[in-house]
Amino acid sequence: MIDLHTHSIFSDGELIPSEIVRRCMKMGYEGVAVTDHVDFSNILHVLNSLNRIKDFRDEYDIPMLLGVEITHVPPRLIGKIVELAWREGAEIVLVHGETIVEPVKEGTNLSAVQEEIDILAHPGLIDIETAEIARSNGIYLEITTRKGHCLTNGHVAKVAYNVGCEIVINSDAHGPDDFISQDLAEKVLKGAGITDVKKVFENSRKILRKRLK
């Protein structure tokens, strides 16, 4: 299991990054990404704080990526903040998609997949056109185990399958009880109608390897 969507105390999570990594290691994870919520008000603070860990990562037991989840930023500004995230040292960039349980502005999914991001998180009722752009740009769609966000997993999986867009599974963990085992991840994927679960896990490995270079 590799979880590429977790939150620390630097946004709305409960744990410091070191504890996130430690808990994931104890659960047998191969790697993890800390991807705190950001907009223009806090992105510099979040990345400055997370970047301080980089010099010490060799002492941790599993690989860790440090990045952001761009959240509730107006669609027309997503490109600008994506560029800022990479410039300020983010190693992985997610965009908070149009989940049906939060008031995400319409057009967020479409704007996000036109930018240099890794994952469109919990993209809700994503349409075919947007998924096709995601596929063309090498952006992964997320299947999530997060309460509420997971309600559209079946739709996301169906659309991704229809257009050939790649999928990852993440927990969107905010606290200790949110981390998932690989066994549970497999069940959630199968429940969404995904049969080739090994490929999904390999997708996460590809992102981890790419961003750790």
Protein backbone atom coordinates (compact mmCIF):
# COMPACT_ATOMS: atom_id res chain seq x y z
CA MET A 1 0.00 0.00 0.00
CA ILE A 2 1.16 3.48 -0.91
CA ASP A 3 -1.00 6.38 0.26
CA LEU A 4 -0.47 9.56 -1.74
CA HIS A 5 -3.09 11.70 0.00
CA THR A 6 -2.75 12.45 3.72
CA HIS A 7 -2.97 15.57 5.89
CA SER A 8 -0.84 16.71 8.80
CA ILE A 9 -1.18 19.41 11.45
CA PHE A 10 0.02 21.92 8.88
CA SER A 11 -3.53 21.96 7.49
CA ASP A 12 -6.45 20.13 9.10
CA GLY A 13 -4.83 16.84 10.09
CA GLU A 14 -4.18 15.58 13.61
CA LEU A 15 -0.62 14.24 13.26
CA ILE A 16 2.82 15.65 12.57
CA PRO A 17 4.47 14.23 9.43
CA SER A 18 6.82 11.99 11.40
CA GLU A 19 3.91 10.22 13.04
CA ILE A 20 2.14 9.80 9.71
CA VAL A 21 5.21 8.06 8.32
CA ARG A 22 5.67 5.92 11.42
CA ARG A 23 2.08 4.73 11.48
CA CYS A 24 2.18 3.92 7.77
CA MET A 25 5.41 1.98 8.22
CA LYS A 26 3.88 -0.10 11.02
CA MET A 27 0.95 -0.93 8.71
CA GLY A 28 3.32 -2.25 6.07
CA TYR A 29 3.14 0.66 3.62
CA GLU A 30 5.71 1.03 0.87
CA GLY A 31 5.50 4.83 0.94
CA VAL A 32 3.34 7.83 1.80
CA ALA A 33 2.78 11.43 0.76
CA VAL A 34 1.87 14.30 3.06
CA THR A 35 -0.36 16.56 0.98
CA ASP A 36 -1.74 19.36 3.09
CA HIS A 37 -4.61 21.60 2.04
CA VAL A 38 -3.41 24.89 0.57
CA ASP A 39 -4.59 28.03 -1.12
CA PHE A 40 -2.70 31.28 -1.67
CA SER A 41 -2.94 32.21 2.01
CA ASN A 42 -0.95 29.30 3.43
CA ILE A 43 0.96 27.55 0.64
CA LEU A 44 4.30 29.16 1.48
CA HIS A 45 3.97 28.33 5.18
CA VAL A 46 2.95 24.73 4.53
CA LEU A 47 5.71 23.98 2.07
CA ASN A 48 8.33 25.80 4.11
CA SER A 49 7.40 23.64 7.09
CA LEU A 50 7.27 20.36 5.15
CA ASN A 51 10.48 21.08 3.24
CA ARG A 52 12.43 21.14 6.50
CA ILE A 53 12.08 17.37 6.70
CA LYS A 54 13.82 16.73 3.40
CA ASP A 55 17.36 16.72 4.79
CA PHE A 56 16.43 14.02 7.29
CA ARG A 57 14.31 11.67 5.19
CA ASP A 58 17.01 9.04 4.81
CA GLU A 59 16.50 8.20 8.48
CA TYR A 60 12.82 7.37 7.98
CA ASP A 61 11.79 3.78 7.33
CA ILE A 62 9.71 4.30 4.19
CA PRO A 63 9.82 6.84 1.35
CA MET A 64 7.89 10.07 1.97
CA LEU A 65 6.78 12.67 -0.53
CA LEU A 66 6.01 16.21 0.61
CA GLY A 67 3.37 18.13 -1.26
CA VAL A 68 -0.01 19.82 -1.32
CA GLU A 69 -3.67 19.41 -2.09
CA ILE A 70 -4.87 22.63 -3.71
CA THR A 71 -8.27 23.20 -2.16
CA HIS A 72 -11.22 25.48 -3.05
CA VAL A 73 -9.07 27.73 -5.20
CA PRO A 74 -11.13 29.44 -7.97
CA PRO A 75 -10.76 27.43 -11.17
CA ARG A 76 -9.17 30.30 -13.12
CA LEU A 77 -6.40 30.51 -10.50
CA ILE A 78 -5.54 26.82 -10.28
CA GLY A 79 -2.79 27.05 -12.89
CA LYS A 80 -1.15 29.91 -11.03
CA ILE A 81 -1.07 28.12 -7.69
CA VAL A 82 0.10 24.85 -9.28
CA GLU A 83 3.11 26.71 -10.69
CA LEU A 84 3.73 28.26 -7.27
CA ALA A 85 3.58 24.85 -5.58
CA TRP A 86 6.25 23.37 -7.84
CA ARG A 87 8.41 26.48 -7.54
CA GLU A 88 8.30 26.33 -3.74
CA GLY A 89 9.46 22.72 -3.61
CA ALA A 90 6.35 20.56 -3.69
CA GLU A 91 7.17 16.99 -4.72
CA ILE A 92 3.59 15.96 -5.46
CA VAL A 93 0.57 18.10 -6.29
CA LEU A 94 -3.07 17.12 -5.93
CA VAL A 95 -6.17 19.20 -6.58
CA HIS A 96 -9.25 18.83 -4.40
CA GLY A 97 -11.84 17.70 -6.93
CA GLU A 98 -15.57 18.31 -7.13
CA THR A 99 -16.68 15.92 -4.40
CA ILE A 100 -20.45 15.90 -3.94
CA VAL A 101 -20.19 16.49 -0.18
CA GLU A 102 -18.44 19.88 -0.30
CA PRO A 103 -19.24 23.11 -2.16
CA VAL A 104 -16.36 22.88 -4.62
CA LYS A 105 -16.79 25.39 -7.42
CA GLU A 106 -17.97 23.97 -10.72
CA GLY A 107 -15.16 23.92 -13.23
CA THR A 108 -12.51 22.90 -10.71
CA ASN A 109 -12.10 19.42 -12.20
CA LEU A 110 -11.76 20.75 -15.75
CA SER A 111 -9.25 23.44 -14.80
CA ALA A 112 -7.21 21.04 -12.68
CA VAL A 113 -6.66 18.41 -15.35
CA GLN A 114 -5.23 21.01 -17.71
CA GLU A 115 -2.37 21.72 -15.31
CA GLU A 116 0.78 19.87 -14.24
CA ILE A 117 -0.65 17.89 -11.34
CA ASP A 118 -0.36 14.27 -10.30
CA ILE A 119 -3.81 13.39 -8.97
CA LEU A 120 -7.32 14.80 -9.15
CA ALA A 121 -8.60 13.87 -5.71
CA HIS A 122 -12.15 12.57 -5.18
CA PRO A 123 -13.44 14.06 -8.45
CA GLY A 124 -17.12 13.39 -7.74
CA LEU A 125 -19.35 13.19 -10.80
CA ILE A 126 -16.51 13.80 -13.23
CA ASP A 127 -17.57 13.92 -16.88
CA ILE A 128 -16.12 12.06 -19.83
CA GLU A 129 -14.50 15.14 -21.41
CA THR A 130 -12.60 16.00 -18.24
CA ALA A 131 -11.48 12.42 -17.75
CA GLU A 132 -10.21 12.30 -21.33
CA ILE A 133 -8.10 15.40 -20.72
CA ALA A 134 -6.78 13.83 -17.52
CA ARG A 135 -5.79 10.74 -19.48
CA SER A 136 -4.06 12.80 -22.16
CA ASN A 137 -2.10 14.72 -19.54
CA GLY A 138 -1.14 11.68 -17.47
CA ILE A 139 -3.21 12.71 -14.47
CA TYR A 140 -4.58 10.02 -12.18
CA LEU A 141 -8.13 9.95 -10.84
CA GLU A 142 -8.57 9.04 -7.20
CA ILE A 143 -10.66 6.32 -5.64
CA THR A 144 -10.95 7.27 -2.00
CA THR A 145 -11.82 5.62 1.29
CA ARG A 146 -12.72 8.97 2.86
CA LYS A 147 -16.25 9.17 4.29
CA GLY A 148 -18.54 11.13 1.98
CA HIS A 149 -16.02 11.51 -0.82
CA CYS A 150 -16.23 7.76 -1.47
CA LEU A 151 -19.91 7.97 -2.44
CA THR A 152 -19.01 8.52 -6.10
CA ASN A 153 -16.22 5.91 -6.33
CA GLY A 154 -18.32 3.74 -8.63
CA HIS A 155 -18.95 6.60 -11.02
CA VAL A 156 -15.28 7.63 -11.04
CA ALA A 157 -14.21 4.05 -11.74
CA LYS A 158 -16.73 3.66 -14.57
CA VAL A 159 -15.70 6.91 -16.27
CA ALA A 160 -12.01 6.12 -15.86
CA TYR A 161 -12.53 2.67 -17.37
CA ASN A 162 -14.50 4.06 -20.30
CA VAL A 163 -11.81 6.57 -21.30
CA GLY A 164 -8.72 4.63 -20.23
CA CYS A 165 -7.75 7.02 -17.44
CA GLU A 166 -5.48 5.63 -14.74
CA ILE A 167 -6.59 5.31 -11.11
CA VAL A 168 -5.00 5.42 -7.68
CA ILE A 169 -6.51 4.69 -4.28
CA ASN A 170 -5.84 6.88 -1.25
CA SER A 171 -7.21 7.37 2.24
CA ASP A 172 -7.30 11.18 2.46
CA ALA A 173 -6.30 10.52 6.06
CA HIS A 174 -6.71 13.30 8.60
CA GLY A 175 -6.23 11.23 11.76
CA PRO A 176 -4.89 7.91 13.08
CA ASP A 177 -8.07 5.98 12.38
CA ASP A 178 -8.18 6.98 8.72
CA PHE A 179 -5.23 4.96 7.43
CA ILE A 180 -6.24 1.84 5.56
CA SER A 181 -4.76 -1.60 5.09
CA GLN A 182 -4.02 -2.96 1.65
CA ASP A 183 -6.71 -5.57 2.21
CA LEU A 184 -9.33 -2.86 2.78
CA ALA A 185 -8.04 -0.89 -0.21
CA GLU A 186 -8.51 -3.96 -2.41
CA LYS A 187 -12.07 -4.39 -1.17
CA VAL A 188 -12.91 -0.74 -1.82
CA LEU A 189 -11.52 -1.00 -5.34
CA LYS A 190 -13.50 -4.15 -6.06
CA GLY A 191 -16.60 -2.51 -4.58
CA ALA A 192 -16.17 0.32 -7.07
CA GLY A 193 -16.09 -2.21 -9.90
CA ILE A 194 -12.34 -2.32 -10.42
CA THR A 195 -10.97 -5.81 -11.00
CA ASP A 196 -7.30 -5.14 -11.81
CA VAL A 197 -6.35 -3.95 -8.34
CA LYS A 198 -2.67 -4.79 -8.85
CA LYS A 199 -2.45 -2.17 -11.60
CA VAL A 200 -3.91 0.46 -9.28
CA PHE A 201 -1.24 -0.20 -6.67
CA GLU A 202 1.43 -0.12 -9.37
CA ASN A 203 0.17 3.30 -10.44
CA SER A 204 0.97 4.62 -6.98
CA ARG A 205 4.44 3.08 -7.20
CA LYS A 206 4.99 4.86 -10.53
CA ILE A 207 4.13 8.23 -9.02
CA LEU A 208 6.33 7.59 -5.99
CA ARG A 209 9.31 6.59 -8.12
CA LYS A 210 8.82 9.49 -10.53
CA ARG A 211 8.62 12.14 -7.83
CA LEU A 212 11.49 10.81 -5.73
CA LYS A 213 13.98 11.11 -8.61
